[in-house]
Protein backbone atom coordinates (compact mmCIF):
# COMPACT_ATOMS: atom_id res chain seq x y z
CA MET A 1 27.99 167.02 -92.57
CA ILE A 2 30.67 164.80 -94.13
CA HIS A 3 31.86 165.37 -97.70
CA GLY A 4 33.31 162.90 -100.19
CA ASN A 5 36.72 162.27 -101.70
CA GLY A 6 38.34 165.14 -103.62
CA VAL A 7 36.03 167.93 -102.46
CA ASP A 8 35.36 169.71 -99.16
CA HIS A 9 32.51 170.73 -96.86
CA ARG A 10 31.21 173.32 -99.32
CA ILE A 11 29.61 170.63 -101.47
CA LEU A 12 27.08 170.11 -98.64
CA LYS A 13 26.38 173.76 -97.85
CA PRO A 14 23.11 173.87 -99.85
CA LEU A 15 21.74 170.97 -97.81
CA GLY A 16 22.98 172.29 -94.49
CA ASP A 17 21.40 175.67 -95.18
CA ARG A 18 18.06 173.94 -95.83
CA LEU A 19 18.30 171.96 -92.61
CA GLU A 20 19.09 175.04 -90.55
CA ALA A 21 16.16 176.88 -92.13
CA ILE A 22 13.84 174.18 -90.75
CA GLY A 23 14.89 175.22 -87.26
CA TRP A 24 15.55 171.80 -85.71
CA PHE A 25 19.18 171.40 -86.67
CA GLN A 26 22.50 173.09 -86.13
CA SER A 27 24.87 172.07 -88.91
CA HIS A 28 28.46 171.10 -88.19
CA TYR A 29 30.58 170.91 -91.33
CA VAL A 30 33.67 168.74 -91.41
CA ASP A 31 36.65 169.12 -93.73
CA LEU A 32 38.35 165.74 -93.75
CA PRO A 33 42.16 165.71 -93.48
CA GLY A 34 43.75 166.81 -96.76
CA PHE A 35 40.63 168.63 -97.96
CA GLY A 36 39.47 172.21 -97.59
CA ASP A 37 41.27 173.89 -94.72
CA CYS A 38 42.11 170.68 -92.83
CA PRO A 39 45.78 169.63 -92.89
CA ALA A 40 46.58 166.14 -94.14
CA LEU A 41 47.31 163.41 -91.62
CA GLU A 42 50.92 162.52 -90.97
CA GLY A 43 52.09 158.93 -91.40
CA LYS A 44 49.44 156.42 -92.46
CA ALA A 45 46.49 158.32 -93.89
CA GLY A 46 44.10 155.76 -95.29
CA LEU A 47 40.41 155.25 -94.70
CA PRO A 48 40.89 153.57 -91.28
CA GLU A 49 42.87 156.59 -90.12
CA LEU A 50 40.29 159.03 -91.51
CA ALA A 51 37.57 157.14 -89.64
CA HIS A 52 39.56 157.30 -86.39
CA TRP A 53 40.18 161.03 -86.89
CA LEU A 54 36.49 161.64 -87.62
CA GLU A 55 35.37 159.69 -84.54
CA ASN A 56 37.56 161.90 -82.37
CA ARG A 57 36.30 165.03 -84.13
CA ILE A 58 32.68 164.06 -83.49
CA ARG A 59 33.37 163.19 -79.85
CA SER A 60 34.84 166.65 -79.35
CA THR A 61 31.82 168.28 -80.99
CA HIS A 62 28.60 166.60 -79.89
CA ASN A 63 29.40 166.48 -76.15
CA GLY A 64 27.03 163.59 -75.55
CA ARG A 65 24.11 165.26 -77.32
CA PRO A 66 22.01 163.41 -79.91
CA PHE A 67 22.91 164.15 -83.52
CA ALA A 68 22.19 163.06 -87.06
CA LEU A 69 24.64 162.34 -89.87
CA LEU A 70 24.59 163.55 -93.46
CA GLY A 71 27.25 162.56 -95.97
CA ASN A 72 27.86 162.14 -99.66
CA SER A 73 29.96 159.61 -101.56
CA LEU A 74 32.90 158.60 -99.34
CA GLY A 75 31.32 160.79 -96.66
CA GLY A 76 28.27 158.55 -96.82
CA LEU A 77 30.41 155.49 -96.15
CA LEU A 78 31.98 157.32 -93.21
CA CYS A 79 28.47 158.17 -91.96
CA GLN A 80 27.65 154.47 -91.96
CA GLU A 81 30.83 153.85 -89.97
CA MET A 82 30.13 156.63 -87.50
CA ALA A 83 26.53 155.50 -87.01
CA ASP A 84 27.88 152.17 -85.75
CA ARG A 85 30.41 153.86 -83.47
CA PHE A 86 27.78 156.25 -82.06
CA SER A 87 24.71 154.02 -82.25
CA ASP A 88 23.51 155.13 -78.82
CA VAL A 89 23.08 158.80 -79.81
CA VAL A 90 22.65 158.91 -83.61
CA GLN A 91 19.09 159.92 -84.49
CA GLY A 92 19.17 159.63 -88.29
CA ILE A 93 21.35 159.23 -91.39
CA PHE A 94 21.01 160.93 -94.78
CA LEU A 95 23.15 159.22 -97.43
CA LEU A 96 23.61 161.15 -100.67
CA ALA A 97 25.21 159.25 -103.56
CA THR A 98 26.80 157.13 -100.87
CA ALA A 99 29.59 154.66 -101.39
CA VAL A 100 28.76 151.17 -100.18
CA PHE A 101 32.02 149.57 -101.30
CA PRO A 102 35.22 151.66 -101.26
CA GLN A 103 36.83 150.01 -104.27
CA ALA A 104 35.38 151.01 -107.65
CA GLU A 105 35.78 147.50 -109.06
CA ALA A 106 33.36 146.16 -106.43
CA ARG A 107 30.60 148.59 -107.42
CA THR A 108 27.72 148.12 -109.86
CA LEU A 109 27.81 151.21 -112.07
CA PRO A 110 25.77 152.54 -115.00
CA GLN A 111 27.32 154.19 -118.03
CA HIS A 112 27.84 157.93 -117.95
CA GLU A 113 25.00 159.82 -119.64
CA VAL A 114 24.25 163.47 -120.31
CA HIS A 115 20.55 164.33 -120.49
CA VAL A 116 20.88 168.08 -121.09
CA GLU A 117 23.83 169.27 -123.16
CA ASP A 118 24.97 172.87 -123.52
CA PRO A 119 28.10 173.05 -125.71
CA THR A 120 27.87 176.84 -125.78
CA LEU A 121 28.10 176.95 -121.99
CA LEU A 122 31.05 174.55 -121.93
CA ALA A 123 32.84 176.54 -124.62
CA SER A 124 32.50 179.71 -122.55
CA LEU A 125 34.29 178.20 -119.52
CA PRO A 126 38.00 177.81 -118.85
CA GLN A 127 39.02 174.43 -120.27
CA ARG A 128 39.84 172.83 -116.93
CA ASP A 129 36.58 174.01 -115.37
CA ALA A 130 34.60 172.78 -118.37
CA ASN A 131 36.26 169.37 -118.18
CA LEU A 132 35.61 168.99 -114.46
CA PHE A 133 31.99 170.07 -114.84
CA ALA A 134 31.30 167.86 -117.86
CA GLU A 135 32.88 164.80 -116.24
CA PHE A 136 29.89 164.21 -113.93
CA ALA A 137 27.14 166.68 -114.88
CA VAL A 138 24.07 164.96 -116.26
CA ILE A 139 22.31 168.32 -116.57
CA GLN A 140 24.62 170.85 -118.24
CA SER A 141 22.85 174.15 -117.71
CA GLU A 142 23.57 177.63 -116.41
CA ALA A 143 21.82 176.79 -113.14
CA THR A 144 23.78 173.59 -112.51
CA TRP A 145 27.03 175.28 -113.51
CA ASN A 146 26.38 178.15 -111.09
CA ASP A 147 25.78 175.71 -108.24
CA TYR A 148 28.72 173.52 -109.26
CA SER A 149 31.11 176.47 -109.51
CA GLN A 150 30.02 177.75 -106.10
CA TRP A 151 29.79 174.55 -104.08
CA VAL A 152 31.88 171.85 -105.79
CA LEU A 153 34.67 173.39 -107.86
CA PRO A 154 36.45 175.27 -105.03
CA GLY A 155 36.84 172.04 -103.05
CA LEU A 156 38.18 170.18 -106.08
CA LYS A 157 40.81 172.85 -106.61
CA ALA A 158 41.77 172.93 -102.93
CA ALA A 159 42.21 169.15 -102.52
CA ASN A 160 45.63 167.87 -101.47
CA LEU A 161 46.61 165.42 -104.24
CA ARG A 162 49.28 163.79 -102.08
CA ALA A 163 46.71 163.14 -99.35
CA MET A 164 44.36 161.64 -101.93
CA ALA A 165 47.14 159.35 -103.14
CA GLN A 166 47.83 158.20 -99.57
CA LEU A 167 44.13 157.59 -99.04
CA SER A 168 43.91 155.47 -102.18
CA ARG A 169 46.61 153.11 -100.85
CA ARG A 170 44.55 152.23 -97.76
CA TYR A 171 41.02 152.60 -99.12
CA TYR A 172 39.17 150.07 -97.00
CA LEU A 173 37.27 149.49 -93.76
CA ASP A 174 37.38 146.08 -92.12
CA PRO A 175 34.68 145.01 -91.79
CA LEU A 176 32.63 147.24 -94.03
CA PRO A 177 29.44 148.62 -92.45
CA ILE A 178 27.39 146.62 -94.98
CA ASP A 179 28.94 143.39 -93.63
CA ARG A 180 27.98 144.00 -90.00
CA HIS A 181 24.89 142.48 -88.43
CA PRO A 182 23.25 144.82 -85.89
CA GLU A 183 20.28 146.70 -87.34
CA LEU A 184 19.98 150.45 -86.79
CA LEU A 185 16.35 151.54 -86.54
CA VAL A 186 16.85 155.28 -86.92
CA PRO A 187 15.36 157.10 -89.94
CA VAL A 188 17.65 156.68 -92.95
CA SER A 189 17.26 158.28 -96.35
CA ILE A 190 19.37 156.95 -99.22
CA VAL A 191 19.29 159.19 -102.29
CA SER A 192 21.09 158.25 -105.50
CA GLY A 193 21.25 159.50 -109.06
CA HIS A 194 20.08 157.07 -111.74
CA GLN A 195 23.02 158.13 -113.92
CA ASP A 196 25.62 158.08 -111.13
CA ASN A 197 28.65 156.34 -112.64
CA VAL A 198 30.83 156.84 -109.53
CA THR A 199 28.95 155.08 -106.72
CA GLY A 200 25.93 153.87 -108.72
CA PHE A 201 22.41 153.30 -107.45
CA GLU A 202 22.05 149.51 -107.18
CA ASP A 203 24.50 148.68 -104.39
CA GLN A 204 22.64 151.01 -102.03
CA THR A 205 19.69 148.58 -101.91
CA LEU A 206 21.92 146.24 -99.90
CA LEU A 207 21.90 148.73 -97.02
CA ILE A 208 18.30 147.83 -96.17
CA LYS A 209 19.53 144.87 -94.15
CA ARG A 210 21.34 147.32 -91.85
CA TYR A 211 18.67 150.02 -91.89
CA PRO A 212 15.15 148.52 -91.91
CA ASN A 213 13.58 152.00 -91.68
CA ALA A 214 15.45 153.31 -94.71
CA GLN A 215 13.78 155.09 -97.61
CA LEU A 216 15.55 154.55 -100.95
CA SER A 217 15.16 157.11 -103.71
CA VAL A 218 16.73 156.96 -107.17
CA ILE A 219 16.50 160.35 -108.85
CA GLU A 220 16.19 160.40 -112.63
CA SER A 221 18.43 162.67 -114.74
CA ALA A 222 21.00 162.93 -111.96
CA GLY A 223 24.58 161.80 -111.62
CA HIS A 224 27.05 161.66 -108.75
CA ASN A 225 26.36 165.29 -107.84
CA VAL A 226 22.68 164.45 -107.57
CA HIS A 227 21.80 167.50 -105.47
CA ILE A 228 23.35 169.75 -108.11
CA ASP A 229 21.60 168.06 -111.04
CA GLN A 230 18.23 167.85 -109.26
CA PRO A 231 18.17 170.24 -106.27
CA VAL A 232 14.39 170.35 -105.87
CA ALA A 233 13.93 166.58 -105.82
CA VAL A 234 16.78 166.11 -103.34
CA GLY A 235 15.51 169.01 -101.22
CA ASN A 236 12.12 167.31 -100.94
CA LYS A 237 13.76 164.06 -99.80
CA LEU A 238 15.82 166.00 -97.28
CA LEU A 239 12.70 167.63 -95.82
CA ASP A 240 10.93 164.26 -95.54
CA TRP A 241 13.93 162.82 -93.72
CA ALA A 242 14.19 165.83 -91.41
CA ASN A 243 10.55 165.37 -90.39
CA ASP A 244 11.17 161.66 -89.73
CA VAL A 245 14.21 162.47 -87.60
CA HIS A 246 12.25 165.04 -85.61
CA ARG A 247 9.47 162.52 -84.94
CA PHE A 248 11.97 159.82 -83.99
CA TYR A 249 13.84 162.13 -81.63
CA SER A 250 10.58 163.34 -80.09
CA GLY A 251 9.37 159.77 -79.60
CA GLN A 252 6.26 160.31 -81.71
């Protein structure tokens, strides 16, 4: 379970809890260096270094056993990278609001939209919390705020800003997973929000050339935190993917 830039593993807890409830998975949450409880890397601490650190972390965890990958945003890009590095044992990939291109200027992005506004709710929150919530929330409601405040906000507040600045100076992978040629035939689910103005929803279609068995889903009335805006829709996609992974692993 690999989170994105600026947050920590807690953003994926709702999805990990659902997977564990199915009974086929044991979730392993990763705090990337500089986020959550994980100390920042010393020296160079860009995306290549994060990928190297994550590869070592996974090698020390899976012990040769098959595993699946789930990541959001930058974590989704790292999942693509790890799937190539562990192609012999990876059994599936779930990409939530995944980055395809690290640099924002290379992405195709929609305009920010809010489909459900609640100015009374925003006015009742501390100003900084209200600003952070409103920046990406397409659905501004008590329910989405409760989930956001529990799963997203703590990671935002815990992020190491110096580590984020170091990451931004080396924010690349060479080559990018999208530019590699081997196909991966494992079950892949790519879930994006139609109003996601951070990683978008159009670039993800390019991943089909790498993952011929991918299912692409664009969720309406959802932004970058698509599983917060639309938890039921994303939960259904997660269950479908989990069933596909179980069948693939079982050879059915």
